[in-house]
Amino acid sequence: MTTPGPQTPGPQTPGPRPPAPRTAAENTPGEYFARMYAHRPDPWHLAERWYEQRKYALTLAALPEPHYRSAFEPGCSVGVLSELLATRCRALLAWDREETALAQARGRLADSPHVTLQHRALPGDWPAGRFDLVVLSELLYYFTAEDSARILHRAVASLEPAGTLLLVHWRPEVADHAQTGDAVHRQARAHPGLTRVAEHAEPDFLLDVFVRADLPAAPRLLSVAAAEGLR
């Protein structure tokens, strides 16, 4: 096998210029989500993968209260987790930026009149009112550190005194994400307005449960067993 020697460059027709690489200074663009849903209706296989089913079961099990008055879930996608949260909430507000995803969520939740689905996008939008549960599931790594901090600040400010904030995110690095799951959970754990009361870590994902640090938490939020007289 021989090594080719240097070649004399000849005239070339310029090809299309590759797109500029996205940096961590940018949020994942909206076109990414539009492209994903155009490729397949459930691009992350949320409704069929055992990985997702198991993660959702752990998410529901991590919630310290059996029922919640009013919950907010931004980035609800096709509504698989929303359907499960609806069994634990008297009212659930779920948002997504993609109408294609919301159409599927509406079909899935057609028999759940206490669930409101809206076409909205973070970080620019945030609902009025207060919630005793905010769920940020597979969401914050699409945003820069500045914008994820902004979202966390709004989530904390919108929590009721006895409210719960739950974060769960994929850990491995993804080229289309602005951050990693580990990075956004470090940010939440360092937030001065939050106290972490539960955590679950696996090689694939992190799950953290927080309460507001500036207000006395309901006993159940700190220890479900103690609240029920088991310790």
C-alpha atoms as a PDB file:
ATOM      1  CA  MET A   1       0.000   0.000   0.000  1.00  0.00           C
ATOM      2  CA  THR A   2       1.474   3.328  -1.039  1.00  0.00           C
ATOM      3  CA  THR A   3       0.889   6.718   0.412  1.00  0.00           C
ATOM      4  CA  PRO A   4      -0.300   9.252  -2.156  1.00  0.00           C
ATOM      5  CA  GLY A   5       1.976  12.207  -2.587  1.00  0.00           C
ATOM      6  CA  PRO A   6       0.924  15.818  -2.499  1.00  0.00           C
ATOM      7  CA  GLN A   7      -1.521  16.825  -5.173  1.00  0.00           C
ATOM      8  CA  THR A   8      -1.657  20.043  -7.105  1.00  0.00           C
ATOM      9  CA  PRO A   9      -4.910  21.791  -6.292  1.00  0.00           C
ATOM     10  CA  GLY A  10      -7.061  22.474  -9.312  1.00  0.00           C
ATOM     11  CA  PRO A  11     -10.055  24.699  -9.821  1.00  0.00           C
ATOM     12  CA  GLN A  12     -13.010  23.678  -7.667  1.00  0.00           C
ATOM     13  CA  THR A  13     -16.631  24.666  -7.605  1.00  0.00           C
ATOM     14  CA  PRO A  14     -17.445  26.072  -4.179  1.00  0.00           C
ATOM     15  CA  GLY A  15     -19.897  23.851  -2.309  1.00  0.00           C
ATOM     16  CA  PRO A  16     -22.596  25.002   0.069  1.00  0.00           C
ATOM     17  CA  ARG A  17     -21.204  26.610   3.178  1.00  0.00           C
ATOM     18  CA  PRO A  18     -21.844  24.421   6.250  1.00  0.00           C
ATOM     19  CA  PRO A  19     -23.998  25.976   8.935  1.00  0.00           C
ATOM     20  CA  ALA A  20     -22.169  27.697  11.751  1.00  0.00           C
ATOM     21  CA  PRO A  21     -21.886  25.392  14.755  1.00  0.00           C
ATOM     22  CA  ARG A  22     -24.290  26.169  17.575  1.00  0.00           C
ATOM     23  CA  THR A  23     -22.521  26.976  20.810  1.00  0.00           C
ATOM     24  CA  ALA A  24     -23.607  26.788  24.431  1.00  0.00           C
ATOM     25  CA  ALA A  25     -24.363  30.503  24.122  1.00  0.00           C
ATOM     26  CA  GLU A  26     -27.489  29.588  22.129  1.00  0.00           C
ATOM     27  CA  ASN A  27     -30.653  27.724  22.997  1.00  0.00           C
ATOM     28  CA  THR A  28     -31.587  24.702  20.934  1.00  0.00           C
ATOM     29  CA  PRO A  29     -33.399  26.324  17.974  1.00  0.00           C
ATOM     30  CA  GLY A  30     -37.095  25.821  17.362  1.00  0.00           C
ATOM     31  CA  GLU A  31     -36.328  24.298  13.975  1.00  0.00           C
ATOM     32  CA  TYR A  32     -34.803  21.313  15.766  1.00  0.00           C
ATOM     33  CA  PHE A  33     -38.148  20.370  17.318  1.00  0.00           C
ATOM     34  CA  ALA A  34     -40.077  20.997  14.110  1.00  0.00           C
ATOM     35  CA  ARG A  35     -37.679  18.713  12.269  1.00  0.00           C
ATOM     36  CA  MET A  36     -37.936  15.985  14.908  1.00  0.00           C
ATOM     37  CA  TYR A  37     -41.743  15.899  14.822  1.00  0.00           C
ATOM     38  CA  ALA A  38     -41.787  16.050  11.024  1.00  0.00           C
ATOM     39  CA  HIS A  39     -39.632  12.925  10.980  1.00  0.00           C
ATOM     40  CA  ARG A  40     -41.938  10.893  13.251  1.00  0.00           C
ATOM     41  CA  PRO A  41     -44.978  11.675  15.429  1.00  0.00           C
ATOM     42  CA  ASP A  42     -43.291  10.563  18.667  1.00  0.00           C
ATOM     43  CA  PRO A  43     -39.609  11.265  17.942  1.00  0.00           C
ATOM     44  CA  TRP A  44     -38.321  10.128  21.351  1.00  0.00           C
ATOM     45  CA  HIS A  45     -40.617   7.060  21.524  1.00  0.00           C
ATOM     46  CA  LEU A  46     -42.064   8.323  24.789  1.00  0.00           C
ATOM     47  CA  ALA A  47     -45.160   6.155  24.530  1.00  0.00           C
ATOM     48  CA  GLU A  48     -43.442   2.854  23.824  1.00  0.00           C
ATOM     49  CA  ARG A  49     -39.961   2.572  25.323  1.00  0.00           C
ATOM     50  CA  TRP A  50     -39.588   0.694  28.597  1.00  0.00           C
ATOM     51  CA  TYR A  51     -36.857   3.189  29.537  1.00  0.00           C
ATOM     52  CA  GLU A  52     -39.436   5.987  29.441  1.00  0.00           C
ATOM     53  CA  GLN A  53     -42.141   3.963  31.202  1.00  0.00           C
ATOM     54  CA  ARG A  54     -39.772   3.100  34.035  1.00  0.00           C
ATOM     55  CA  LYS A  55     -38.491   6.680  34.334  1.00  0.00           C
ATOM     56  CA  TYR A  56     -42.054   7.993  34.471  1.00  0.00           C
ATOM     57  CA  ALA A  57     -42.928   5.483  37.202  1.00  0.00           C
ATOM     58  CA  LEU A  58     -39.936   6.673  39.234  1.00  0.00           C
ATOM     59  CA  THR A  59     -40.954  10.283  38.610  1.00  0.00           C
ATOM     60  CA  LEU A  60     -44.452   9.697  39.939  1.00  0.00           C
ATOM     61  CA  ALA A  61     -43.134   7.701  42.894  1.00  0.00           C
ATOM     62  CA  ALA A  62     -40.742  10.524  43.846  1.00  0.00           C
ATOM     63  CA  LEU A  63     -43.566  13.021  44.360  1.00  0.00           C
ATOM     64  CA  PRO A  64     -44.008  13.355  48.140  1.00  0.00           C
ATOM     65  CA  GLU A  65     -47.698  14.254  48.046  1.00  0.00           C
ATOM     66  CA  PRO A  66     -50.341  11.766  46.914  1.00  0.00           C
ATOM     67  CA  HIS A  67     -52.330  14.536  45.208  1.00  0.00           C
ATOM     68  CA  TYR A  68     -51.733  18.104  44.063  1.00  0.00           C
ATOM     69  CA  ARG A  69     -54.144  20.986  43.626  1.00  0.00           C
ATOM     70  CA  SER A  70     -52.546  22.682  40.614  1.00  0.00           C
ATOM     71  CA  ALA A  71     -49.552  21.528  38.546  1.00  0.00           C
ATOM     72  CA  PHE A  72     -47.564  22.998  35.672  1.00  0.00           C
ATOM     73  CA  GLU A  73     -45.627  20.912  33.135  1.00  0.00           C
ATOM     74  CA  PRO A  74     -43.868  22.917  30.407  1.00  0.00           C
ATOM     75  CA  GLY A  75     -42.500  20.951  27.477  1.00  0.00           C
ATOM     76  CA  CYS A  76     -45.150  18.233  27.693  1.00  0.00           C
ATOM     77  CA  SER A  77     -44.464  16.829  24.193  1.00  0.00           C
ATOM     78  CA  VAL A  78     -47.069  14.202  23.210  1.00  0.00           C
ATOM     79  CA  GLY A  79     -48.535  14.078  26.718  1.00  0.00           C
ATOM     80  CA  VAL A  80     -47.384  10.693  28.019  1.00  0.00           C
ATOM     81  CA  LEU A  81     -46.129  12.040  31.346  1.00  0.00           C
ATOM     82  CA  SER A  82     -49.021  14.519  31.403  1.00  0.00           C
ATOM     83  CA  GLU A  83     -51.484  11.632  31.350  1.00  0.00           C
ATOM     84  CA  LEU A  84     -49.800  10.123  34.411  1.00  0.00           C
ATOM     85  CA  LEU A  85     -49.552  13.435  36.250  1.00  0.00           C
ATOM     86  CA  ALA A  86     -53.252  13.990  35.601  1.00  0.00           C
ATOM     87  CA  THR A  87     -54.041  11.077  37.917  1.00  0.00           C
ATOM     88  CA  ARG A  88     -52.362  12.939  40.790  1.00  0.00           C
ATOM     89  CA  CYS A  89     -53.546  16.507  40.120  1.00  0.00           C
ATOM     90  CA  ARG A  90     -56.873  18.283  40.402  1.00  0.00           C
ATOM     91  CA  ALA A  91     -55.714  20.686  37.677  1.00  0.00           C
ATOM     92  CA  LEU A  92     -52.780  20.384  35.276  1.00  0.00           C
ATOM     93  CA  LEU A  93     -51.507  23.034  32.878  1.00  0.00           C
ATOM     94  CA  ALA A  94     -49.232  21.557  30.194  1.00  0.00           C
ATOM     95  CA  TRP A  95     -47.384  23.512  27.510  1.00  0.00           C
ATOM     96  CA  ASP A  96     -45.418  22.689  24.406  1.00  0.00           C
ATOM     97  CA  ARG A  97     -43.909  24.758  21.613  1.00  0.00           C
ATOM     98  CA  GLU A  98     -44.877  22.270  18.871  1.00  0.00           C
ATOM     99  CA  GLU A  99     -48.503  22.120  17.746  1.00  0.00           C
ATOM    100  CA  THR A 100     -47.869  18.668  16.240  1.00  0.00           C
ATOM    101  CA  ALA A 101     -46.999  17.346  19.689  1.00  0.00           C
ATOM    102  CA  LEU A 102     -49.952  19.091  21.312  1.00  0.00           C
ATOM    103  CA  ALA A 103     -52.371  17.525  18.835  1.00  0.00           C
ATOM    104  CA  GLN A 104     -51.277  14.099  20.042  1.00  0.00           C
ATOM    105  CA  ALA A 105     -51.446  15.195  23.667  1.00  0.00           C
ATOM    106  CA  ARG A 106     -54.997  16.442  23.164  1.00  0.00           C
ATOM    107  CA  GLY A 107     -56.021  13.067  21.806  1.00  0.00           C
ATOM    108  CA  ARG A 108     -54.345  11.250  24.691  1.00  0.00           C
ATOM    109  CA  LEU A 109     -55.984  13.516  27.289  1.00  0.00           C
ATOM    110  CA  ALA A 110     -59.376  13.923  25.659  1.00  0.00           C
ATOM    111  CA  ASP A 111     -61.085  12.341  28.679  1.00  0.00           C
ATOM    112  CA  SER A 112     -59.256  14.538  31.206  1.00  0.00           C
ATOM    113  CA  PRO A 113     -61.147  17.851  31.359  1.00  0.00           C
ATOM    114  CA  HIS A 114     -59.013  19.043  34.288  1.00  0.00           C
ATOM    115  CA  VAL A 115     -55.954  19.177  31.988  1.00  0.00           C
ATOM    116  CA  THR A 116     -55.327  22.357  29.977  1.00  0.00           C
ATOM    117  CA  LEU A 117     -52.956  22.091  27.010  1.00  0.00           C
ATOM    118  CA  GLN A 118     -51.542  25.284  25.520  1.00  0.00           C
ATOM    119  CA  HIS A 119     -49.196  26.238  22.690  1.00  0.00           C
ATOM    120  CA  ARG A 120     -46.497  28.229  24.508  1.00  0.00           C
ATOM    121  CA  ALA A 121     -42.700  28.323  24.599  1.00  0.00           C
ATOM    122  CA  LEU A 122     -40.115  29.016  27.265  1.00  0.00           C
ATOM    123  CA  PRO A 123     -38.170  31.043  28.220  1.00  0.00           C
ATOM    124  CA  GLY A 124     -40.272  33.954  27.005  1.00  0.00           C
ATOM    125  CA  ASP A 125     -43.608  32.724  28.367  1.00  0.00           C
ATOM    126  CA  TRP A 126     -44.591  31.774  31.902  1.00  0.00           C
ATOM    127  CA  PRO A 127     -48.106  31.294  33.279  1.00  0.00           C
ATOM    128  CA  ALA A 128     -49.739  33.541  35.828  1.00  0.00           C
ATOM    129  CA  GLY A 129     -50.822  32.055  39.125  1.00  0.00           C
ATOM    130  CA  ARG A 130     -49.289  29.711  41.676  1.00  0.00           C
ATOM    131  CA  PHE A 131     -48.729  25.976  41.609  1.00  0.00           C
ATOM    132  CA  ASP A 132     -48.092  23.366  44.258  1.00  0.00           C
ATOM    133  CA  LEU A 133     -46.257  21.222  41.675  1.00  0.00           C
ATOM    134  CA  VAL A 134     -43.943  22.228  38.832  1.00  0.00           C
ATOM    135  CA  VAL A 135     -42.391  19.441  36.742  1.00  0.00           C
ATOM    136  CA  LEU A 136     -39.376  20.213  34.535  1.00  0.00           C
ATOM    137  CA  SER A 137     -38.862  16.948  32.681  1.00  0.00           C
ATOM    138  CA  GLU A 138     -36.288  16.640  29.877  1.00  0.00           C
ATOM    139  CA  LEU A 139     -36.451  20.373  29.302  1.00  0.00           C
ATOM    140  CA  LEU A 140     -33.759  22.597  30.794  1.00  0.00           C
ATOM    141  CA  TYR A 141     -30.829  21.248  28.777  1.00  0.00           C
ATOM    142  CA  TYR A 142     -32.319  22.861  25.675  1.00  0.00           C
ATOM    143  CA  PHE A 143     -31.540  26.277  27.174  1.00  0.00           C
ATOM    144  CA  THR A 144     -28.361  28.174  27.933  1.00  0.00           C
ATOM    145  CA  ALA A 145     -27.270  28.418  31.552  1.00  0.00           C
ATOM    146  CA  GLU A 146     -28.623  31.973  31.639  1.00  0.00           C
ATOM    147  CA  ASP A 147     -32.059  30.962  30.386  1.00  0.00           C
ATOM    148  CA  SER A 148     -32.289  27.803  32.499  1.00  0.00           C
ATOM    149  CA  ALA A 149     -31.503  29.969  35.543  1.00  0.00           C
ATOM    150  CA  ARG A 150     -34.302  32.308  34.472  1.00  0.00           C
ATOM    151  CA  ILE A 151     -36.720  29.381  34.195  1.00  0.00           C
ATOM    152  CA  LEU A 152     -35.701  28.034  37.609  1.00  0.00           C
ATOM    153  CA  HIS A 153     -36.216  31.476  39.154  1.00  0.00           C
ATOM    154  CA  ARG A 154     -39.716  31.649  37.708  1.00  0.00           C
ATOM    155  CA  ALA A 155     -40.501  28.113  38.837  1.00  0.00           C
ATOM    156  CA  VAL A 156     -39.454  28.898  42.406  1.00  0.00           C
ATOM    157  CA  ALA A 157     -41.410  32.152  42.428  1.00  0.00           C
ATOM    158  CA  SER A 158     -44.568  30.394  41.228  1.00  0.00           C
ATOM    159  CA  LEU A 159     -44.453  27.625  43.850  1.00  0.00           C
ATOM    160  CA  GLU A 160     -46.992  27.608  46.651  1.00  0.00           C
ATOM    161  CA  PRO A 161     -45.462  27.598  50.161  1.00  0.00           C
ATOM    162  CA  ALA A 162     -45.927  23.820  50.358  1.00  0.00           C
ATOM    163  CA  GLY A 163     -45.107  23.279  46.699  1.00  0.00           C
ATOM    164  CA  THR A 164     -42.884  20.717  45.002  1.00  0.00           C
ATOM    165  CA  LEU A 165     -40.434  21.275  42.134  1.00  0.00           C
ATOM    166  CA  LEU A 166     -39.313  18.116  40.321  1.00  0.00           C
ATOM    167  CA  LEU A 167     -36.492  17.939  37.771  1.00  0.00           C
ATOM    168  CA  VAL A 168     -35.592  14.882  35.696  1.00  0.00           C
ATOM    169  CA  HIS A 169     -33.105  14.943  32.805  1.00  0.00           C
ATOM    170  CA  TRP A 170     -31.055  12.709  30.510  1.00  0.00           C
ATOM    171  CA  ARG A 171     -27.367  12.740  31.482  1.00  0.00           C
ATOM    172  CA  PRO A 172     -25.273  11.835  28.381  1.00  0.00           C
ATOM    173  CA  GLU A 173     -24.140  14.738  26.236  1.00  0.00           C
ATOM    174  CA  VAL A 174     -26.227  15.446  23.119  1.00  0.00           C
ATOM    175  CA  ALA A 175     -24.926  17.655  20.320  1.00  0.00           C
ATOM    176  CA  ASP A 176     -28.262  19.449  19.886  1.00  0.00           C
ATOM    177  CA  HIS A 177     -28.564  20.349  23.568  1.00  0.00           C
ATOM    178  CA  ALA A 178     -27.261  23.619  24.977  1.00  0.00           C
ATOM    179  CA  GLN A 179     -26.302  21.929  28.271  1.00  0.00           C
ATOM    180  CA  THR A 180     -26.085  18.493  29.854  1.00  0.00           C
ATOM    181  CA  GLY A 181     -28.527  17.106  32.369  1.00  0.00           C
ATOM    182  CA  ASP A 182     -25.789  17.115  34.996  1.00  0.00           C
ATOM    183  CA  ALA A 183     -25.199  20.829  34.419  1.00  0.00           C
ATOM    184  CA  VAL A 184     -28.828  21.841  34.877  1.00  0.00           C
ATOM    185  CA  HIS A 185     -29.186  19.719  38.022  1.00  0.00           C
ATOM    186  CA  ARG A 186     -26.028  21.280  39.489  1.00  0.00           C
ATOM    187  CA  GLN A 187     -27.579  24.654  38.783  1.00  0.00           C
ATOM    188  CA  ALA A 188     -30.825  23.717  40.529  1.00  0.00           C
ATOM    189  CA  ARG A 189     -28.999  22.235  43.522  1.00  0.00           C
ATOM    190  CA  ALA A 190     -27.058  25.478  43.929  1.00  0.00           C
ATOM    191  CA  HIS A 191     -30.159  27.679  43.706  1.00  0.00           C
ATOM    192  CA  PRO A 192     -30.481  29.640  46.973  1.00  0.00           C
ATOM    193  CA  GLY A 193     -34.264  29.445  46.835  1.00  0.00           C
ATOM    194  CA  LEU A 194     -34.428  25.646  46.780  1.00  0.00           C
ATOM    195  CA  THR A 195     -33.902  22.829  49.265  1.00  0.00           C
ATOM    196  CA  ARG A 196     -33.478  19.344  47.846  1.00  0.00           C
ATOM    197  CA  VAL A 197     -35.525  16.687  49.650  1.00  0.00           C
ATOM    198  CA  ALA A 198     -35.043  13.669  47.359  1.00  0.00           C
ATOM    199  CA  GLU A 199     -32.651  12.521  44.659  1.00  0.00           C
ATOM    200  CA  HIS A 200     -32.205   9.588  42.320  1.00  0.00           C
ATOM    201  CA  ALA A 201     -29.160   9.121  40.098  1.00  0.00           C
ATOM    202  CA  GLU A 202     -28.479   6.581  37.363  1.00  0.00           C
ATOM    203  CA  PRO A 203     -25.974   6.581  34.496  1.00  0.00           C
ATOM    204  CA  ASP A 204     -28.821   7.596  32.171  1.00  0.00           C
ATOM    205  CA  PHE A 205     -30.718  10.262  34.100  1.00  0.00           C
ATOM    206  CA  LEU A 206     -30.926  12.396  37.231  1.00  0.00           C
ATOM    207  CA  LEU A 207     -34.066  13.069  39.258  1.00  0.00           C
ATOM    208  CA  ASP A 208     -34.255  15.712  42.002  1.00  0.00           C
ATOM    209  CA  VAL A 209     -37.155  16.895  44.154  1.00  0.00           C
ATOM    210  CA  PHE A 210     -37.019  20.362  45.724  1.00  0.00           C
ATOM    211  CA  VAL A 211     -39.075  22.568  48.019  1.00  0.00           C
ATOM    212  CA  ARG A 212     -38.782  26.304  48.607  1.00  0.00           C
ATOM    213  CA  ALA A 213     -35.922  27.161  50.958  1.00  0.00           C
ATOM    214  CA  ASP A 214     -37.434  30.424  52.189  1.00  0.00           C
ATOM    215  CA  LEU A 215     -40.620  28.898  53.580  1.00  0.00           C
ATOM    216  CA  PRO A 216     -41.284  26.128  56.108  1.00  0.00           C
ATOM    217  CA  ALA A 217     -42.031  22.950  54.193  1.00  0.00           C
ATOM    218  CA  ALA A 218     -44.959  20.699  54.974  1.00  0.00           C
ATOM    219  CA  PRO A 219     -43.752  17.697  57.018  1.00  0.00           C
ATOM    220  CA  ARG A 220     -44.643  15.276  54.239  1.00  0.00           C
ATOM    221  CA  LEU A 221     -42.292  17.045  51.846  1.00  0.00           C
ATOM    222  CA  LEU A 222     -39.347  16.435  54.168  1.00  0.00           C
ATOM    223  CA  SER A 223     -40.245  12.878  55.186  1.00  0.00           C
ATOM    224  CA  VAL A 224     -43.296  10.965  54.020  1.00  0.00           C
ATOM    225  CA  ALA A 225     -42.656   8.318  56.666  1.00  0.00           C
ATOM    226  CA  ALA A 226     -42.496  10.884  59.484  1.00  0.00           C
ATOM    227  CA  ALA A 227     -45.655  12.575  58.239  1.00  0.00           C
ATOM    228  CA  GLU A 228     -47.466   9.249  58.514  1.00  0.00           C
ATOM    229  CA  GLY A 229     -46.102   8.427  61.976  1.00  0.00           C
ATOM    230  CA  LEU A 230     -43.656   5.737  60.897  1.00  0.00           C
ATOM    231  CA  ARG A 231     -40.614   7.407  62.527  1.00  0.00           C
END
